[in-house]
Amino acid sequence: VTAPFAGTVTGIKARAGETVGKGQPLCSLADLSRLVVVAKVPVRE
C-alpha cells in the first residue's frame, strides 16, 4: 500500500499482525499545505 499523494500521515489505524478486510482504513493522509476554514453560515445571511 503506497501513498496516493504527498502529505502527512495523520493517523494509523492498523498494526502489524492484524487481519484486515477490503476497504478497511489503514491510515489517514493529508496535504497540510492545503488548509481551509470550514464554517457554517445561517441561511438568512
All heavy atoms as atom14 arrays in JSON, in Angstrom:
{
  "sequence": "VTAPFAGTVTGIKARAGETVGKGQPLCSLADLSRLVVVAKVPVRE",
  "atom14_mask": [
    [1, 1, 1, 1, 1, 1, 1, 0, 0, 0, 0, 0, 0, 0],
    [1, 1, 1, 1, 1, 1, 1, 0, 0, 0, 0, 0, 0, 0],
    [1, 1, 1, 1, 1, 0, 0, 0, 0, 0, 0, 0, 0, 0],
    [1, 1, 1, 1, 1, 1, 1, 0, 0, 0, 0, 0, 0, 0],
    [1, 1, 1, 1, 1, 1, 1, 1, 1, 1, 1, 0, 0, 0],
    [1, 1, 1, 1, 1, 0, 0, 0, 0, 0, 0, 0, 0, 0],
    [1, 1, 1, 1, 0, 0, 0, 0, 0, 0, 0, 0, 0, 0],
    [1, 1, 1, 1, 1, 1, 1, 0, 0, 0, 0, 0, 0, 0],
    [1, 1, 1, 1, 1, 1, 1, 0, 0, 0, 0, 0, 0, 0],
    [1, 1, 1, 1, 1, 1, 1, 0, 0, 0, 0, 0, 0, 0],
    [1, 1, 1, 1, 0, 0, 0, 0, 0, 0, 0, 0, 0, 0],
    [1, 1, 1, 1, 1, 1, 1, 1, 0, 0, 0, 0, 0, 0],
    [1, 1, 1, 1, 1, 1, 1, 1, 1, 0, 0, 0, 0, 0],
    [1, 1, 1, 1, 1, 0, 0, 0, 0, 0, 0, 0, 0, 0],
    [1, 1, 1, 1, 1, 1, 1, 1, 1, 1, 1, 0, 0, 0],
    [1, 1, 1, 1, 1, 0, 0, 0, 0, 0, 0, 0, 0, 0],
    [1, 1, 1, 1, 0, 0, 0, 0, 0, 0, 0, 0, 0, 0],
    [1, 1, 1, 1, 1, 1, 1, 1, 1, 0, 0, 0, 0, 0],
    [1, 1, 1, 1, 1, 1, 1, 0, 0, 0, 0, 0, 0, 0],
    [1, 1, 1, 1, 1, 1, 1, 0, 0, 0, 0, 0, 0, 0],
    [1, 1, 1, 1, 0, 0, 0, 0, 0, 0, 0, 0, 0, 0],
    [1, 1, 1, 1, 1, 1, 1, 1, 1, 0, 0, 0, 0, 0],
    [1, 1, 1, 1, 0, 0, 0, 0, 0, 0, 0, 0, 0, 0],
    [1, 1, 1, 1, 1, 1, 1, 1, 1, 0, 0, 0, 0, 0],
    [1, 1, 1, 1, 1, 1, 1, 0, 0, 0, 0, 0, 0, 0],
    [1, 1, 1, 1, 1, 1, 1, 1, 0, 0, 0, 0, 0, 0],
    [1, 1, 1, 1, 1, 1, 0, 0, 0, 0, 0, 0, 0, 0],
    [1, 1, 1, 1, 1, 1, 0, 0, 0, 0, 0, 0, 0, 0],
    [1, 1, 1, 1, 1, 1, 1, 1, 0, 0, 0, 0, 0, 0],
    [1, 1, 1, 1, 1, 0, 0, 0, 0, 0, 0, 0, 0, 0],
    [1, 1, 1, 1, 1, 1, 1, 1, 0, 0, 0, 0, 0, 0],
    [1, 1, 1, 1, 1, 1, 1, 1, 0, 0, 0, 0, 0, 0],
    [1, 1, 1, 1, 1, 1, 0, 0, 0, 0, 0, 0, 0, 0],
    [1, 1, 1, 1, 1, 1, 1, 1, 1, 1, 1, 0, 0, 0],
    [1, 1, 1, 1, 1, 1, 1, 1, 0, 0, 0, 0, 0, 0],
    [1, 1, 1, 1, 1, 1, 1, 0, 0, 0, 0, 0, 0, 0],
    [1, 1, 1, 1, 1, 1, 1, 0, 0, 0, 0, 0, 0, 0],
    [1, 1, 1, 1, 1, 1, 1, 0, 0, 0, 0, 0, 0, 0],
    [1, 1, 1, 1, 1, 0, 0, 0, 0, 0, 0, 0, 0, 0],
    [1, 1, 1, 1, 1, 1, 1, 1, 1, 0, 0, 0, 0, 0],
    [1, 1, 1, 1, 1, 1, 1, 0, 0, 0, 0, 0, 0, 0],
    [1, 1, 1, 1, 1, 1, 1, 0, 0, 0, 0, 0, 0, 0],
    [1, 1, 1, 1, 1, 1, 1, 0, 0, 0, 0, 0, 0, 0],
    [1, 1, 1, 1, 1, 1, 1, 1, 1, 1, 1, 0, 0, 0],
    [1, 1, 1, 1, 1, 1, 1, 1, 1, 0, 0, 0, 0, 0]
  ],
  "atom14_positions": [
    [[0.86, -1.19, 0.0], [0.0, 0.0, 0.0], [0.89, 1.23, 0.0], [1.71, 1.42, 0.92], [-0.93, 0.01, 1.22], [-1.82, 1.25, 1.2], [-1.77, -1.27, 1.26], [0.0, 0.0, 0.0], [0.0, 0.0, 0.0], [0.0, 0.0, 0.0], [0.0, 0.0, 0.0], [0.0, 0.0, 0.0], [0.0, 0.0, 0.0], [0.0, 0.0, 0.0]],
    [[0.76, 2.06, -1.02], [1.63, 3.23, -1.17], [0.83, 4.53, -1.03], [-0.4, 4.53, -1.12], [2.33, 3.22, -2.53], [1.33, 3.21, -3.57], [3.21, 1.98, -2.66], [0.0, 0.0, 0.0], [0.0, 0.0, 0.0], [0.0, 0.0, 0.0], [0.0, 0.0, 0.0], [0.0, 0.0, 0.0], [0.0, 0.0, 0.0], [0.0, 0.0, 0.0]],
    [[1.52, 5.64, -0.81], [0.88, 6.95, -0.64], [0.35, 7.43, -1.98], [1.09, 7.5, -2.96], [1.89, 7.95, -0.09], [0.0, 0.0, 0.0], [0.0, 0.0, 0.0], [0.0, 0.0, 0.0], [0.0, 0.0, 0.0], [0.0, 0.0, 0.0], [0.0, 0.0, 0.0], [0.0, 0.0, 0.0], [0.0, 0.0, 0.0], [0.0, 0.0, 0.0]],
    [[-0.94, 7.78, -2.05], [-1.51, 8.25, -3.31], [-1.11, 9.67, -3.67], [-1.25, 10.09, -4.81], [-3.02, 8.15, -3.06], [-3.15, 8.27, -1.57], [-1.94, 7.64, -0.98], [0.0, 0.0, 0.0], [0.0, 0.0, 0.0], [0.0, 0.0, 0.0], [0.0, 0.0, 0.0], [0.0, 0.0, 0.0], [0.0, 0.0, 0.0], [0.0, 0.0, 0.0]],
    [[-0.62, 10.44, -2.68], [-0.14, 11.8, -2.94], [0.82, 12.18, -1.81], [0.9, 11.51, -0.78], [-1.29, 12.81, -3.05], [-2.19, 12.84, -1.84], [-1.85, 13.56, -0.7], [-3.41, 12.17, -1.86], [-2.69, 13.59, 0.41], [-4.26, 12.2, -0.76], [-3.89, 12.91, 0.38], [0.0, 0.0, 0.0], [0.0, 0.0, 0.0], [0.0, 0.0, 0.0]],
    [[1.56, 13.25, -2.01], [2.49, 13.72, -0.99], [1.7, 14.37, 0.15], [0.77, 15.15, -0.08], [3.46, 14.74, -1.58], [0.0, 0.0, 0.0], [0.0, 0.0, 0.0], [0.0, 0.0, 0.0], [0.0, 0.0, 0.0], [0.0, 0.0, 0.0], [0.0, 0.0, 0.0], [0.0, 0.0, 0.0], [0.0, 0.0, 0.0], [0.0, 0.0, 0.0]],
    [[2.06, 14.01, 1.38], [1.33, 14.57, 2.52], [1.89, 14.08, 3.83], [3.01, 13.56, 3.91], [0.0, 0.0, 0.0], [0.0, 0.0, 0.0], [0.0, 0.0, 0.0], [0.0, 0.0, 0.0], [0.0, 0.0, 0.0], [0.0, 0.0, 0.0], [0.0, 0.0, 0.0], [0.0, 0.0, 0.0], [0.0, 0.0, 0.0], [0.0, 0.0, 0.0]],
    [[1.05, 14.25, 4.89], [1.42, 13.87, 6.25], [0.52, 12.75, 6.73], [-0.7, 12.83, 6.57], [1.29, 15.06, 7.2], [2.11, 16.14, 6.72], [1.72, 14.7, 8.61], [0.0, 0.0, 0.0], [0.0, 0.0, 0.0], [0.0, 0.0, 0.0], [0.0, 0.0, 0.0], [0.0, 0.0, 0.0], [0.0, 0.0, 0.0], [0.0, 0.0, 0.0]],
    [[1.12, 11.7, 7.29], [0.34, 10.63, 7.89], [-0.26, 11.17, 9.19], [0.46, 11.52, 10.11], [1.21, 9.39, 8.17], [0.38, 8.3, 8.84], [1.85, 8.88, 6.88], [0.0, 0.0, 0.0], [0.0, 0.0, 0.0], [0.0, 0.0, 0.0], [0.0, 0.0, 0.0], [0.0, 0.0, 0.0], [0.0, 0.0, 0.0], [0.0, 0.0, 0.0]],
    [[-1.58, 11.28, 9.25], [-2.23, 11.92, 10.4], [-2.86, 10.92, 11.36], [-3.39, 11.31, 12.39], [-3.32, 12.89, 9.91], [-4.27, 12.18, 9.09], [-2.72, 14.01, 9.1], [0.0, 0.0, 0.0], [0.0, 0.0, 0.0], [0.0, 0.0, 0.0], [0.0, 0.0, 0.0], [0.0, 0.0, 0.0], [0.0, 0.0, 0.0], [0.0, 0.0, 0.0]],
    [[-2.81, 9.64, 11.05], [-3.37, 8.65, 11.96], [-3.18, 7.25, 11.41], [-3.39, 7.02, 10.21], [0.0, 0.0, 0.0], [0.0, 0.0, 0.0], [0.0, 0.0, 0.0], [0.0, 0.0, 0.0], [0.0, 0.0, 0.0], [0.0, 0.0, 0.0], [0.0, 0.0, 0.0], [0.0, 0.0, 0.0], [0.0, 0.0, 0.0], [0.0, 0.0, 0.0]],
    [[-2.75, 6.33, 12.24], [-2.55, 4.94, 11.83], [-3.6, 4.08, 12.53], [-3.75, 4.13, 13.75], [-1.14, 4.46, 12.18], [-0.11, 5.27, 11.37], [-0.98, 2.97, 11.9], [1.33, 4.93, 11.67], [0.0, 0.0, 0.0], [0.0, 0.0, 0.0], [0.0, 0.0, 0.0], [0.0, 0.0, 0.0], [0.0, 0.0, 0.0], [0.0, 0.0, 0.0]],
    [[-4.33, 3.3, 11.74], [-5.47, 2.54, 12.27], [-5.26, 1.03, 12.2], [-6.15, 0.27, 12.57], [-6.73, 2.95, 11.53], [-7.05, 4.44, 11.65], [-8.23, 4.83, 10.8], [-8.62, 6.28, 11.04], [-7.53, 7.22, 10.74], [0.0, 0.0, 0.0], [0.0, 0.0, 0.0], [0.0, 0.0, 0.0], [0.0, 0.0, 0.0], [0.0, 0.0, 0.0]],
    [[-4.13, 0.57, 11.7], [-3.85, -0.87, 11.61], [-2.44, -1.14, 12.09], [-1.55, -0.3, 11.94], [-4.03, -1.37, 10.17], [0.0, 0.0, 0.0], [0.0, 0.0, 0.0], [0.0, 0.0, 0.0], [0.0, 0.0, 0.0], [0.0, 0.0, 0.0], [0.0, 0.0, 0.0], [0.0, 0.0, 0.0], [0.0, 0.0, 0.0], [0.0, 0.0, 0.0]],
    [[-2.25, -2.3, 12.68], [-0.95, -2.68, 13.21], [-0.48, -3.98, 12.55], [-1.29, -4.77, 12.05], [-1.04, -2.87, 14.73], [-1.43, -1.62, 15.5], [-0.34, -0.57, 15.45], [-0.68, 0.62, 16.24], [-1.27, 1.7, 15.76], [-1.61, 1.73, 14.46], [-1.52, 2.74, 16.53], [0.0, 0.0, 0.0], [0.0, 0.0, 0.0], [0.0, 0.0, 0.0]],
    [[0.83, -4.2, 12.59], [1.39, -5.43, 12.02], [0.82, -6.64, 12.75], [0.7, -6.64, 13.97], [2.91, -5.4, 12.14], [0.0, 0.0, 0.0], [0.0, 0.0, 0.0], [0.0, 0.0, 0.0], [0.0, 0.0, 0.0], [0.0, 0.0, 0.0], [0.0, 0.0, 0.0], [0.0, 0.0, 0.0], [0.0, 0.0, 0.0], [0.0, 0.0, 0.0]],
    [[0.43, -7.66, 11.99], [-0.14, -8.87, 12.57], [-1.65, -8.87, 12.59], [-2.27, -9.91, 12.86], [0.0, 0.0, 0.0], [0.0, 0.0, 0.0], [0.0, 0.0, 0.0], [0.0, 0.0, 0.0], [0.0, 0.0, 0.0], [0.0, 0.0, 0.0], [0.0, 0.0, 0.0], [0.0, 0.0, 0.0], [0.0, 0.0, 0.0], [0.0, 0.0, 0.0]],
    [[-2.29, -7.74, 12.3], [-3.75, -7.68, 12.28], [-4.29, -8.12, 10.92], [-3.69, -7.84, 9.88], [-4.23, -6.26, 12.58], [-3.95, -5.81, 14.0], [-4.47, -4.4, 14.26], [-4.82, -3.71, 13.29], [-4.53, -4.02, 15.45], [0.0, 0.0, 0.0], [0.0, 0.0, 0.0], [0.0, 0.0, 0.0], [0.0, 0.0, 0.0], [0.0, 0.0, 0.0]],
    [[-5.42, -8.77, 10.94], [-6.12, -9.15, 9.71], [-7.11, -8.05, 9.37], [-7.87, -7.59, 10.22], [-6.86, -10.47, 9.87], [-5.92, -11.5, 10.21], [-7.59, -10.86, 8.59], [0.0, 0.0, 0.0], [0.0, 0.0, 0.0], [0.0, 0.0, 0.0], [0.0, 0.0, 0.0], [0.0, 0.0, 0.0], [0.0, 0.0, 0.0], [0.0, 0.0, 0.0]],
    [[-7.1, -7.61, 8.13], [-7.99, -6.52, 7.71], [-8.82, -6.98, 6.53], [-8.44, -7.89, 5.78], [-7.19, -5.26, 7.34], [-6.46, -4.7, 8.56], [-6.21, -5.54, 6.21], [0.0, 0.0, 0.0], [0.0, 0.0, 0.0], [0.0, 0.0, 0.0], [0.0, 0.0, 0.0], [0.0, 0.0, 0.0], [0.0, 0.0, 0.0], [0.0, 0.0, 0.0]],
    [[-9.96, -6.32, 6.37], [-10.83, -6.61, 5.24], [-10.7, -5.57, 4.16], [-10.21, -4.45, 4.4], [0.0, 0.0, 0.0], [0.0, 0.0, 0.0], [0.0, 0.0, 0.0], [0.0, 0.0, 0.0], [0.0, 0.0, 0.0], [0.0, 0.0, 0.0], [0.0, 0.0, 0.0], [0.0, 0.0, 0.0], [0.0, 0.0, 0.0], [0.0, 0.0, 0.0]],
    [[-11.11, -5.92, 2.97], [-11.05, -4.99, 1.85], [-11.85, -3.73, 2.2], [-12.99, -3.8, 2.65], [-11.63, -5.66, 0.61], [-11.57, -4.78, -0.63], [-12.12, -5.51, -1.84], [-12.06, -4.64, -3.09], [-12.58, -5.36, -4.28], [0.0, 0.0, 0.0], [0.0, 0.0, 0.0], [0.0, 0.0, 0.0], [0.0, 0.0, 0.0], [0.0, 0.0, 0.0]],
    [[-11.23, -2.56, 2.0], [-11.89, -1.3, 2.29], [-11.71, -0.81, 3.71], [-12.15, 0.3, 4.04], [0.0, 0.0, 0.0], [0.0, 0.0, 0.0], [0.0, 0.0, 0.0], [0.0, 0.0, 0.0], [0.0, 0.0, 0.0], [0.0, 0.0, 0.0], [0.0, 0.0, 0.0], [0.0, 0.0, 0.0], [0.0, 0.0, 0.0], [0.0, 0.0, 0.0]],
    [[-11.06, -1.6, 4.57], [-10.86, -1.17, 5.96], [-9.77, -0.1, 6.02], [-8.72, -0.24, 5.4], [-10.47, -2.37, 6.83], [-10.27, -2.03, 8.3], [-10.03, -3.28, 9.13], [-10.51, -4.37, 8.8], [-9.27, -3.13, 10.2], [0.0, 0.0, 0.0], [0.0, 0.0, 0.0], [0.0, 0.0, 0.0], [0.0, 0.0, 0.0], [0.0, 0.0, 0.0]],
    [[-9.97, 1.0, 6.77], [-8.97, 2.06, 6.86], [-7.66, 1.55, 7.49], [-7.67, 0.83, 8.49], [-9.61, 3.12, 7.76], [-11.08, 2.86, 7.63], [-11.22, 1.38, 7.47], [0.0, 0.0, 0.0], [0.0, 0.0, 0.0], [0.0, 0.0, 0.0], [0.0, 0.0, 0.0], [0.0, 0.0, 0.0], [0.0, 0.0, 0.0], [0.0, 0.0, 0.0]],
    [[-6.55, 1.93, 6.88], [-5.23, 1.6, 7.39], [-4.57, 2.83, 8.04], [-3.91, 2.73, 9.07], [-4.34, 1.07, 6.28], [-4.83, -0.2, 5.56], [-3.88, -0.55, 4.41], [-4.96, -1.35, 6.53], [0.0, 0.0, 0.0], [0.0, 0.0, 0.0], [0.0, 0.0, 0.0], [0.0, 0.0, 0.0], [0.0, 0.0, 0.0], [0.0, 0.0, 0.0]],
    [[-4.74, 4.0, 7.41], [-4.21, 5.24, 7.97], [-4.91, 6.42, 7.29], [-5.64, 6.26, 6.31], [-2.69, 5.33, 7.79], [-2.17, 5.63, 6.08], [0.0, 0.0, 0.0], [0.0, 0.0, 0.0], [0.0, 0.0, 0.0], [0.0, 0.0, 0.0], [0.0, 0.0, 0.0], [0.0, 0.0, 0.0], [0.0, 0.0, 0.0], [0.0, 0.0, 0.0]],
    [[-4.67, 7.62, 7.85], [-5.17, 8.85, 7.24], [-3.99, 9.61, 6.68], [-2.9, 9.62, 7.26], [-5.89, 9.71, 8.29], [-6.96, 9.01, 8.87], [0.0, 0.0, 0.0], [0.0, 0.0, 0.0], [0.0, 0.0, 0.0], [0.0, 0.0, 0.0], [0.0, 0.0, 0.0], [0.0, 0.0, 0.0], [0.0, 0.0, 0.0], [0.0, 0.0, 0.0]],
    [[-4.22, 10.27, 5.56], [-3.16, 11.04, 4.9], [-3.73, 12.39, 4.52], [-4.85, 12.49, 4.01], [-2.68, 10.3, 3.66], [-1.5, 10.9, 2.9], [-0.23, 10.86, 3.77], [-1.26, 10.14, 1.6], [0.0, 0.0, 0.0], [0.0, 0.0, 0.0], [0.0, 0.0, 0.0], [0.0, 0.0, 0.0], [0.0, 0.0, 0.0], [0.0, 0.0, 0.0]],
    [[-2.98, 13.47, 4.8], [-3.47, 14.82, 4.49], [-2.34, 15.68, 3.96], [-1.2, 15.6, 4.43], [-4.06, 15.46, 5.74], [0.0, 0.0, 0.0], [0.0, 0.0, 0.0], [0.0, 0.0, 0.0], [0.0, 0.0, 0.0], [0.0, 0.0, 0.0], [0.0, 0.0, 0.0], [0.0, 0.0, 0.0], [0.0, 0.0, 0.0], [0.0, 0.0, 0.0]],
    [[-2.68, 16.5, 2.98], [-1.76, 17.51, 2.47], [-2.01, 18.78, 3.29], [-2.92, 19.55, 2.99], [-2.0, 17.76, 0.98], [-1.07, 18.82, 0.41], [-0.25, 19.36, 1.17], [-1.19, 19.11, -0.8], [0.0, 0.0, 0.0], [0.0, 0.0, 0.0], [0.0, 0.0, 0.0], [0.0, 0.0, 0.0], [0.0, 0.0, 0.0], [0.0, 0.0, 0.0]],
    [[-1.21, 18.99, 4.34], [-1.46, 20.08, 5.27], [-1.01, 21.44, 4.73], [-1.14, 22.45, 5.42], [-0.76, 19.79, 6.61], [-1.27, 18.53, 7.32], [-0.55, 18.34, 8.65], [-2.78, 18.59, 7.53], [0.0, 0.0, 0.0], [0.0, 0.0, 0.0], [0.0, 0.0, 0.0], [0.0, 0.0, 0.0], [0.0, 0.0, 0.0], [0.0, 0.0, 0.0]],
    [[-0.5, 21.47, 3.51], [-0.22, 22.75, 2.87], [-1.48, 23.33, 2.25], [-1.5, 24.49, 1.83], [0.87, 22.59, 1.8], [0.38, 21.79, 0.71], [0.0, 0.0, 0.0], [0.0, 0.0, 0.0], [0.0, 0.0, 0.0], [0.0, 0.0, 0.0], [0.0, 0.0, 0.0], [0.0, 0.0, 0.0], [0.0, 0.0, 0.0], [0.0, 0.0, 0.0]],
    [[-2.52, 22.51, 2.18], [-3.81, 22.96, 1.64], [-4.86, 22.91, 2.74], [-5.64, 21.98, 2.85], [-4.23, 22.07, 0.46], [-3.34, 22.18, -0.77], [-3.8, 21.2, -1.83], [-5.22, 21.35, -2.09], [-6.03, 20.35, -2.48], [-5.54, 19.14, -2.63], [-7.31, 20.58, -2.7], [0.0, 0.0, 0.0], [0.0, 0.0, 0.0], [0.0, 0.0, 0.0]],
    [[-4.85, 23.97, 3.56], [-5.8, 24.07, 4.66], [-6.89, 25.08, 4.33], [-6.66, 26.07, 3.63], [-5.09, 24.49, 5.95], [-4.09, 23.5, 6.56], [-3.43, 24.11, 7.77], [-4.79, 22.19, 6.93], [0.0, 0.0, 0.0], [0.0, 0.0, 0.0], [0.0, 0.0, 0.0], [0.0, 0.0, 0.0], [0.0, 0.0, 0.0], [0.0, 0.0, 0.0]],
    [[-8.06, 24.83, 4.86], [-9.18, 25.77, 4.74], [-9.85, 25.89, 6.1], [-9.64, 25.06, 6.98], [-10.21, 25.3, 3.68], [-9.59, 25.2, 2.31], [-10.84, 23.97, 4.09], [0.0, 0.0, 0.0], [0.0, 0.0, 0.0], [0.0, 0.0, 0.0], [0.0, 0.0, 0.0], [0.0, 0.0, 0.0], [0.0, 0.0, 0.0], [0.0, 0.0, 0.0]],
    [[-10.65, 26.93, 6.25], [-11.52, 27.04, 7.41], [-12.92, 26.64, 6.97], [-13.45, 27.19, 6.0], [-11.54, 28.46, 7.99], [-12.51, 28.55, 9.16], [-10.15, 28.87, 8.45], [0.0, 0.0, 0.0], [0.0, 0.0, 0.0], [0.0, 0.0, 0.0], [0.0, 0.0, 0.0], [0.0, 0.0, 0.0], [0.0, 0.0, 0.0], [0.0, 0.0, 0.0]],
    [[-13.48, 25.66, 7.65], [-14.85, 25.22, 7.36], [-15.77, 25.87, 8.37], [-15.59, 25.72, 9.58], [-14.97, 23.68, 7.43], [-16.4, 23.25, 7.13], [-14.0, 23.03, 6.44], [0.0, 0.0, 0.0], [0.0, 0.0, 0.0], [0.0, 0.0, 0.0], [0.0, 0.0, 0.0], [0.0, 0.0, 0.0], [0.0, 0.0, 0.0], [0.0, 0.0, 0.0]],
    [[-16.73, 26.65, 7.89], [-17.65, 27.38, 8.77], [-19.07, 27.19, 8.3], [-19.32, 26.87, 7.13], [-17.29, 28.86, 8.81], [0.0, 0.0, 0.0], [0.0, 0.0, 0.0], [0.0, 0.0, 0.0], [0.0, 0.0, 0.0], [0.0, 0.0, 0.0], [0.0, 0.0, 0.0], [0.0, 0.0, 0.0], [0.0, 0.0, 0.0], [0.0, 0.0, 0.0]],
    [[-20.0, 27.4, 9.21], [-21.42, 27.31, 8.88], [-22.04, 28.7, 9.01], [-21.85, 29.39, 10.01], [-22.13, 26.31, 9.81], [-21.7, 24.87, 9.56], [-22.5, 23.89, 10.41], [-22.09, 22.45, 10.12], [-22.4, 22.05, 8.74], [0.0, 0.0, 0.0], [0.0, 0.0, 0.0], [0.0, 0.0, 0.0], [0.0, 0.0, 0.0], [0.0, 0.0, 0.0]],
    [[-22.79, 29.08, 7.98], [-23.4, 30.41, 7.91], [-24.92, 30.25, 7.94], [-25.47, 29.43, 7.21], [-22.99, 31.13, 6.61], [-23.58, 32.53, 6.57], [-21.47, 31.17, 6.49], [0.0, 0.0, 0.0], [0.0, 0.0, 0.0], [0.0, 0.0, 0.0], [0.0, 0.0, 0.0], [0.0, 0.0, 0.0], [0.0, 0.0, 0.0], [0.0, 0.0, 0.0]],
    [[-25.62, 31.01, 8.8], [-27.08, 30.95, 8.8], [-27.65, 31.23, 7.41], [-27.13, 32.1, 6.68], [-27.47, 32.05, 9.8], [-26.3, 32.16, 10.71], [-25.1, 31.91, 9.83], [0.0, 0.0, 0.0], [0.0, 0.0, 0.0], [0.0, 0.0, 0.0], [0.0, 0.0, 0.0], [0.0, 0.0, 0.0], [0.0, 0.0, 0.0], [0.0, 0.0, 0.0]],
    [[-28.67, 30.51, 7.05], [-29.26, 30.65, 5.71], [-29.66, 32.1, 5.45], [-29.5, 32.61, 4.33], [-30.48, 29.71, 5.57], [-31.23, 30.0, 4.28], [-30.03, 28.26, 5.6], [0.0, 0.0, 0.0], [0.0, 0.0, 0.0], [0.0, 0.0, 0.0], [0.0, 0.0, 0.0], [0.0, 0.0, 0.0], [0.0, 0.0, 0.0], [0.0, 0.0, 0.0]],
    [[-30.15, 32.8, 6.47], [-30.61, 34.19, 6.27], [-29.47, 35.13, 5.89], [-29.71, 36.23, 5.38], [-31.29, 34.7, 7.54], [-30.38, 34.82, 8.74], [-31.11, 35.33, 9.97], [-30.24, 35.44, 11.12], [-29.91, 34.45, 11.92], [-30.43, 33.24, 11.71], [-29.1, 34.64, 12.95], [0.0, 0.0, 0.0], [0.0, 0.0, 0.0], [0.0, 0.0, 0.0]],
    [[-28.21, 34.73, 6.13], [-27.07, 35.59, 5.84], [-26.24, 35.11, 4.66], [-25.31, 35.79, 4.24], [-26.17, 35.69, 7.08], [-26.85, 36.36, 8.27], [-25.96, 36.39, 9.5], [-25.08, 35.51, 9.61], [-26.15, 37.28, 10.34], [0.0, 0.0, 0.0], [0.0, 0.0, 0.0], [0.0, 0.0, 0.0], [0.0, 0.0, 0.0], [0.0, 0.0, 0.0]]
  ]
}
